[in-house]
Amino acid sequence: MTAYKLLKRRFEHAKGTICYRTTKYDYGLASDDFYETGIEHWSMSLKSDGDDLCFTVSVTDMVEVEG
């Protein structure tokens, strides 16, 4: 699964944290954030298989990690 690095702090997750797109349903949280900000958001997980509690991140606030 593709890994992403946070470019700035998001909730309790520090800048530089590695995260992955979640495989779980996010109850529309990423869509709500897009609606509120006009910037695409993805729901992310700290587990490489995407199976964890998720948090949303703006696509402008993370970068794909080469691997």
PDB file of N, CA and C in Angstrom:
ATOM      1  N   MET A   1       0.847  -1.176   0.000  1.00  0.00           N
ATOM      2  CA  MET A   1       0.000   0.000   0.000  1.00  0.00           C
ATOM      3  C   MET A   1       0.898   1.247   0.000  1.00  0.00           C
ATOM      4  N   THR A   2       0.470   2.267  -0.694  1.00  0.00           N
ATOM      5  CA  THR A   2       1.244   3.503  -0.795  1.00  0.00           C
ATOM      6  C   THR A   2       1.294   4.229   0.543  1.00  0.00           C
ATOM      7  N   ALA A   3       2.465   4.703   0.891  1.00  0.00           N
ATOM      8  CA  ALA A   3       2.663   5.449   2.136  1.00  0.00           C
ATOM      9  C   ALA A   3       2.733   6.945   1.833  1.00  0.00           C
ATOM     10  N   TYR A   4       2.287   7.744   2.798  1.00  0.00           N
ATOM     11  CA  TYR A   4       2.305   9.202   2.691  1.00  0.00           C
ATOM     12  C   TYR A   4       2.905   9.779   3.965  1.00  0.00           C
ATOM     13  N   LYS A   5       3.605  10.894   3.824  1.00  0.00           N
ATOM     14  CA  LYS A   5       4.202  11.581   4.972  1.00  0.00           C
ATOM     15  C   LYS A   5       3.465  12.895   5.186  1.00  0.00           C
ATOM     16  N   LEU A   6       3.082  13.153   6.436  1.00  0.00           N
ATOM     17  CA  LEU A   6       2.420  14.416   6.757  1.00  0.00           C
ATOM     18  C   LEU A   6       3.414  15.565   6.672  1.00  0.00           C
ATOM     19  N   LEU A   7       3.011  16.642   6.027  1.00  0.00           N
ATOM     20  CA  LEU A   7       3.872  17.816   5.888  1.00  0.00           C
ATOM     21  C   LEU A   7       3.695  18.801   7.034  1.00  0.00           C
ATOM     22  N   LYS A   8       2.647  18.605   7.828  1.00  0.00           N
ATOM     23  CA  LYS A   8       2.455  19.399   9.036  1.00  0.00           C
ATOM     24  C   LYS A   8       1.586  18.607  10.001  1.00  0.00           C
ATOM     25  N   ARG A   9       1.554  19.032  11.226  1.00  0.00           N
ATOM     26  CA  ARG A   9       0.803  18.349  12.272  1.00  0.00           C
ATOM     27  C   ARG A   9      -0.673  18.270  11.907  1.00  0.00           C
ATOM     28  N   ARG A  10      -1.287  17.115  12.168  1.00  0.00           N
ATOM     29  CA  ARG A  10      -2.724  16.939  11.958  1.00  0.00           C
ATOM     30  C   ARG A  10      -3.272  16.200  13.165  1.00  0.00           C
ATOM     31  N   PHE A  11      -4.149  16.855  13.916  1.00  0.00           N
ATOM     32  CA  PHE A  11      -4.638  16.329  15.191  1.00  0.00           C
ATOM     33  C   PHE A  11      -3.436  16.013  16.070  1.00  0.00           C
ATOM     34  N   GLU A  12      -3.346  14.813  16.633  1.00  0.00           N
ATOM     35  CA  GLU A  12      -2.211  14.489  17.506  1.00  0.00           C
ATOM     36  C   GLU A  12      -1.033  13.895  16.734  1.00  0.00           C
ATOM     37  N   HIS A  13      -1.112  13.858  15.408  1.00  0.00           N
ATOM     38  CA  HIS A  13      -0.068  13.249  14.585  1.00  0.00           C
ATOM     39  C   HIS A  13       0.935  14.311  14.128  1.00  0.00           C
ATOM     40  N   ALA A  14       2.179  14.102  14.470  1.00  0.00           N
ATOM     41  CA  ALA A  14       3.243  15.080  14.209  1.00  0.00           C
ATOM     42  C   ALA A  14       3.605  15.160  12.732  1.00  0.00           C
ATOM     43  N   LYS A  15       4.160  16.289  12.362  1.00  0.00           N
ATOM     44  CA  LYS A  15       4.739  16.446  11.031  1.00  0.00           C
ATOM     45  C   LYS A  15       5.729  15.305  10.809  1.00  0.00           C
ATOM     46  N   GLY A  16       5.701  14.709   9.620  1.00  0.00           N
ATOM     47  CA  GLY A  16       6.600  13.601   9.302  1.00  0.00           C
ATOM     48  C   GLY A  16       6.009  12.229   9.564  1.00  0.00           C
ATOM     49  N   THR A  17       4.849  12.160  10.214  1.00  0.00           N
ATOM     50  CA  THR A  17       4.199  10.879  10.472  1.00  0.00           C
ATOM     51  C   THR A  17       3.879  10.186   9.153  1.00  0.00           C
ATOM     52  N   ILE A  18       4.144   8.892   9.087  1.00  0.00           N
ATOM     53  CA  ILE A  18       3.821   8.097   7.905  1.00  0.00           C
ATOM     54  C   ILE A  18       2.422   7.514   8.089  1.00  0.00           C
ATOM     55  N   CYS A  19       1.601   7.639   7.046  1.00  0.00           N
ATOM     56  CA  CYS A  19       0.235   7.128   7.118  1.00  0.00           C
ATOM     57  C   CYS A  19      -0.162   6.531   5.769  1.00  0.00           C
ATOM     58  N   TYR A  20      -1.317   5.881   5.755  1.00  0.00           N
ATOM     59  CA  TYR A  20      -1.795   5.126   4.600  1.00  0.00           C
ATOM     60  C   TYR A  20      -3.284   5.381   4.434  1.00  0.00           C
ATOM     61  N   ARG A  21      -3.782   5.288   3.211  1.00  0.00           N
ATOM     62  CA  ARG A  21      -5.218   5.469   3.005  1.00  0.00           C
ATOM     63  C   ARG A  21      -5.965   4.359   3.733  1.00  0.00           C
ATOM     64  N   THR A  22      -7.016   4.730   4.411  1.00  0.00           N
ATOM     65  CA  THR A  22      -7.768   3.754   5.184  1.00  0.00           C
ATOM     66  C   THR A  22      -8.589   2.842   4.281  1.00  0.00           C
ATOM     67  N   THR A  23      -8.814   1.648   4.750  1.00  0.00           N
ATOM     68  CA  THR A  23      -9.684   0.705   4.050  1.00  0.00           C
ATOM     69  C   THR A  23     -11.057   0.651   4.721  1.00  0.00           C
ATOM     70  N   LYS A  24     -11.214   1.426   5.766  1.00  0.00           N
ATOM     71  CA  LYS A  24     -12.467   1.459   6.527  1.00  0.00           C
ATOM     72  C   LYS A  24     -13.369   2.584   6.033  1.00  0.00           C
ATOM     73  N   TYR A  25     -14.661   2.441   6.267  1.00  0.00           N
ATOM     74  CA  TYR A  25     -15.622   3.491   5.951  1.00  0.00           C
ATOM     75  C   TYR A  25     -15.399   4.664   6.902  1.00  0.00           C
ATOM     76  N   ASP A  26     -15.366   5.871   6.377  1.00  0.00           N
ATOM     77  CA  ASP A  26     -15.055   7.038   7.219  1.00  0.00           C
ATOM     78  C   ASP A  26     -16.286   7.870   7.580  1.00  0.00           C
ATOM     79  N   TYR A  27     -17.462   7.346   7.300  1.00  0.00           N
ATOM     80  CA  TYR A  27     -18.720   8.013   7.655  1.00  0.00           C
ATOM     81  C   TYR A  27     -18.844   9.406   7.034  1.00  0.00           C
ATOM     82  N   GLY A  28     -18.187   9.593   5.895  1.00  0.00           N
ATOM     83  CA  GLY A  28     -18.292  10.857   5.182  1.00  0.00           C
ATOM     84  C   GLY A  28     -17.405  11.969   5.702  1.00  0.00           C
ATOM     85  N   LEU A  29     -16.469  11.663   6.588  1.00  0.00           N
ATOM     86  CA  LEU A  29     -15.637  12.707   7.182  1.00  0.00           C
ATOM     87  C   LEU A  29     -14.772  13.432   6.149  1.00  0.00           C
ATOM     88  N   ALA A  30     -14.150  12.689   5.237  1.00  0.00           N
ATOM     89  CA  ALA A  30     -13.314  13.330   4.209  1.00  0.00           C
ATOM     90  C   ALA A  30     -14.182  14.197   3.294  1.00  0.00           C
ATOM     91  N   SER A  31     -15.362  13.723   2.970  1.00  0.00           N
ATOM     92  CA  SER A  31     -16.288  14.511   2.147  1.00  0.00           C
ATOM     93  C   SER A  31     -16.723  15.780   2.866  1.00  0.00           C
ATOM     94  N   ASP A  32     -16.985  15.667   4.153  1.00  0.00           N
ATOM     95  CA  ASP A  32     -17.357  16.851   4.945  1.00  0.00           C
ATOM     96  C   ASP A  32     -16.230  17.883   4.944  1.00  0.00           C
ATOM     97  N   ASP A  33     -14.994  17.417   5.114  1.00  0.00           N
ATOM     98  CA  ASP A  33     -13.856  18.341   5.117  1.00  0.00           C
ATOM     99  C   ASP A  33     -13.681  19.008   3.755  1.00  0.00           C
ATOM    100  N   PHE A  34     -13.888  18.252   2.674  1.00  0.00           N
ATOM    101  CA  PHE A  34     -13.820  18.835   1.336  1.00  0.00           C
ATOM    102  C   PHE A  34     -14.896  19.903   1.171  1.00  0.00           C
ATOM    103  N   TYR A  35     -16.101  19.604   1.623  1.00  0.00           N
ATOM    104  CA  TYR A  35     -17.211  20.551   1.522  1.00  0.00           C
ATOM    105  C   TYR A  35     -16.902  21.841   2.282  1.00  0.00           C
ATOM    106  N   GLU A  36     -16.317  21.697   3.464  1.00  0.00           N
ATOM    107  CA  GLU A  36     -16.026  22.862   4.306  1.00  0.00           C
ATOM    108  C   GLU A  36     -14.846  23.700   3.806  1.00  0.00           C
ATOM    109  N   THR A  37     -13.848  23.043   3.186  1.00  0.00           N
ATOM    110  CA  THR A  37     -12.619  23.755   2.818  1.00  0.00           C
ATOM    111  C   THR A  37     -12.435  23.966   1.318  1.00  0.00           C
ATOM    112  N   GLY A  38     -13.100  23.142   0.515  1.00  0.00           N
ATOM    113  CA  GLY A  38     -12.894  23.196  -0.928  1.00  0.00           C
ATOM    114  C   GLY A  38     -11.624  22.492  -1.369  1.00  0.00           C
ATOM    115  N   ILE A  39     -10.945  21.813  -0.428  1.00  0.00           N
ATOM    116  CA  ILE A  39      -9.712  21.083  -0.712  1.00  0.00           C
ATOM    117  C   ILE A  39      -9.976  19.597  -0.472  1.00  0.00           C
ATOM    118  N   GLU A  40      -9.552  18.761  -1.420  1.00  0.00           N
ATOM    119  CA  GLU A  40      -9.756  17.324  -1.280  1.00  0.00           C
ATOM    120  C   GLU A  40      -9.062  16.805  -0.023  1.00  0.00           C
ATOM    121  N   HIS A  41      -9.753  15.951   0.717  1.00  0.00           N
ATOM    122  CA  HIS A  41      -9.212  15.295   1.903  1.00  0.00           C
ATOM    123  C   HIS A  41      -9.329  13.788   1.728  1.00  0.00           C
ATOM    124  N   TRP A  42      -8.404  13.059   2.312  1.00  0.00           N
ATOM    125  CA  TRP A  42      -8.454  11.602   2.344  1.00  0.00           C
ATOM    126  C   TRP A  42      -8.483  11.159   3.797  1.00  0.00           C
ATOM    127  N   SER A  43      -9.111  10.030   4.033  1.00  0.00           N
ATOM    128  CA  SER A  43      -9.084   9.414   5.355  1.00  0.00           C
ATOM    129  C   SER A  43      -7.874   8.506   5.419  1.00  0.00           C
ATOM    130  N   MET A  44      -7.070   8.705   6.452  1.00  0.00           N
ATOM    131  CA  MET A  44      -5.788   8.028   6.567  1.00  0.00           C
ATOM    132  C   MET A  44      -5.722   7.163   7.826  1.00  0.00           C
ATOM    133  N   SER A  45      -4.853   6.168   7.772  1.00  0.00           N
ATOM    134  CA  SER A  45      -4.620   5.237   8.866  1.00  0.00           C
ATOM    135  C   SER A  45      -3.129   5.218   9.182  1.00  0.00           C
ATOM    136  N   LEU A  46      -2.783   4.848  10.392  1.00  0.00           N
ATOM    137  CA  LEU A  46      -1.379   4.691  10.751  1.00  0.00           C
ATOM    138  C   LEU A  46      -0.861   3.294  10.437  1.00  0.00           C
ATOM    139  N   LYS A  47      -1.756   2.375  10.139  1.00  0.00           N
ATOM    140  CA  LYS A  47      -1.367   0.995   9.840  1.00  0.00           C
ATOM    141  C   LYS A  47      -1.214   0.811   8.332  1.00  0.00           C
ATOM    142  N   SER A  48      -0.183   0.091   7.934  1.00  0.00           N
ATOM    143  CA  SER A  48       0.119  -0.079   6.518  1.00  0.00           C
ATOM    144  C   SER A  48      -0.960  -0.844   5.755  1.00  0.00           C
ATOM    145  N   ASP A  49      -1.796  -1.598   6.459  1.00  0.00           N
ATOM    146  CA  ASP A  49      -2.886  -2.292   5.775  1.00  0.00           C
ATOM    147  C   ASP A  49      -4.161  -1.452   5.745  1.00  0.00           C
ATOM    148  N   GLY A  50      -4.104  -0.234   6.280  1.00  0.00           N
ATOM    149  CA  GLY A  50      -5.253   0.673   6.263  1.00  0.00           C
ATOM    150  C   GLY A  50      -6.342   0.324   7.250  1.00  0.00           C
ATOM    151  N   ASP A  51      -6.090  -0.669   8.090  1.00  0.00           N
ATOM    152  CA  ASP A  51      -7.101  -1.171   9.016  1.00  0.00           C
ATOM    153  C   ASP A  51      -6.878  -0.579  10.404  1.00  0.00           C
ATOM    154  N   ASP A  52      -7.339   0.643  10.596  1.00  0.00           N
ATOM    155  CA  ASP A  52      -7.160   1.306  11.877  1.00  0.00           C
ATOM    156  C   ASP A  52      -8.164   2.444  11.960  1.00  0.00           C
ATOM    157  N   LEU A  53      -8.259   3.053  13.108  1.00  0.00           N
ATOM    158  CA  LEU A  53      -9.039   4.274  13.222  1.00  0.00           C
ATOM    159  C   LEU A  53      -8.465   5.282  12.250  1.00  0.00           C
ATOM    160  N   CYS A  54      -9.315   6.094  11.663  1.00  0.00           N
ATOM    161  CA  CYS A  54      -8.802   7.001  10.643  1.00  0.00           C
ATOM    162  C   CYS A  54      -8.932   8.464  11.066  1.00  0.00           C
ATOM    163  N   PHE A  55      -8.183   9.287  10.359  1.00  0.00           N
ATOM    164  CA  PHE A  55      -8.249  10.734  10.524  1.00  0.00           C
ATOM    165  C   PHE A  55      -8.131  11.326   9.132  1.00  0.00           C
ATOM    166  N   THR A  56      -8.697  12.488   8.918  1.00  0.00           N
ATOM    167  CA  THR A  56      -8.666  13.085   7.590  1.00  0.00           C
ATOM    168  C   THR A  56      -7.469  14.019   7.445  1.00  0.00           C
ATOM    169  N   VAL A  57      -6.963  14.086   6.223  1.00  0.00           N
ATOM    170  CA  VAL A  57      -5.827  14.949   5.905  1.00  0.00           C
ATOM    171  C   VAL A  57      -6.065  15.558   4.531  1.00  0.00           C
ATOM    172  N   SER A  58      -5.788  16.831   4.402  1.00  0.00           N
ATOM    173  CA  SER A  58      -5.844  17.486   3.106  1.00  0.00           C
ATOM    174  C   SER A  58      -4.757  16.900   2.212  1.00  0.00           C
ATOM    175  N   VAL A  59      -5.083  16.675   0.945  1.00  0.00           N
ATOM    176  CA  VAL A  59      -4.079  16.122   0.038  1.00  0.00           C
ATOM    177  C   VAL A  59      -2.914  17.087  -0.153  1.00  0.00           C
ATOM    178  N   THR A  60      -3.100  18.355   0.171  1.00  0.00           N
ATOM    179  CA  THR A  60      -2.018  19.329   0.060  1.00  0.00           C
ATOM    180  C   THR A  60      -1.080  19.278   1.268  1.00  0.00           C
ATOM    181  N   ASP A  61      -1.466  18.536   2.293  1.00  0.00           N
ATOM    182  CA  ASP A  61      -0.677  18.468   3.534  1.00  0.00           C
ATOM    183  C   ASP A  61       0.054  17.143   3.703  1.00  0.00           C
ATOM    184  N   MET A  62       0.212  16.396   2.602  1.00  0.00           N
ATOM    185  CA  MET A  62       0.968  15.150   2.671  1.00  0.00           C
ATOM    186  C   MET A  62       1.615  14.899   1.313  1.00  0.00           C
ATOM    187  N   VAL A  63       2.629  14.076   1.344  1.00  0.00           N
ATOM    188  CA  VAL A  63       3.374  13.737   0.129  1.00  0.00           C
ATOM    189  C   VAL A  63       3.592  12.231   0.103  1.00  0.00           C
ATOM    190  N   GLU A  64       3.511  11.656  -1.097  1.00  0.00           N
ATOM    191  CA  GLU A  64       3.751  10.232  -1.247  1.00  0.00           C
ATOM    192  C   GLU A  64       5.206   9.930  -0.944  1.00  0.00           C
ATOM    193  N   VAL A  65       5.415   8.828  -0.228  1.00  0.00           N
ATOM    194  CA  VAL A  65       6.761   8.399   0.136  1.00  0.00           C
ATOM    195  C   VAL A  65       7.210   7.339  -0.874  1.00  0.00           C
ATOM    196  N   GLU A  66       8.374   7.545  -1.438  1.00  0.00           N
ATOM    197  CA  GLU A  66       8.921   6.565  -2.370  1.00  0.00           C
ATOM    198  C   GLU A  66       9.297   5.306  -1.610  1.00  0.00           C
ATOM    199  N   GLY A  67       9.019   4.182  -2.194  1.00  0.00           N
ATOM    200  CA  GLY A  67       9.353   2.997  -1.450  1.00  0.00           C
ATOM    201  C   GLY A  67       9.486   1.828  -2.296  1.00  0.00           C
TER     202      GLY A  67
END
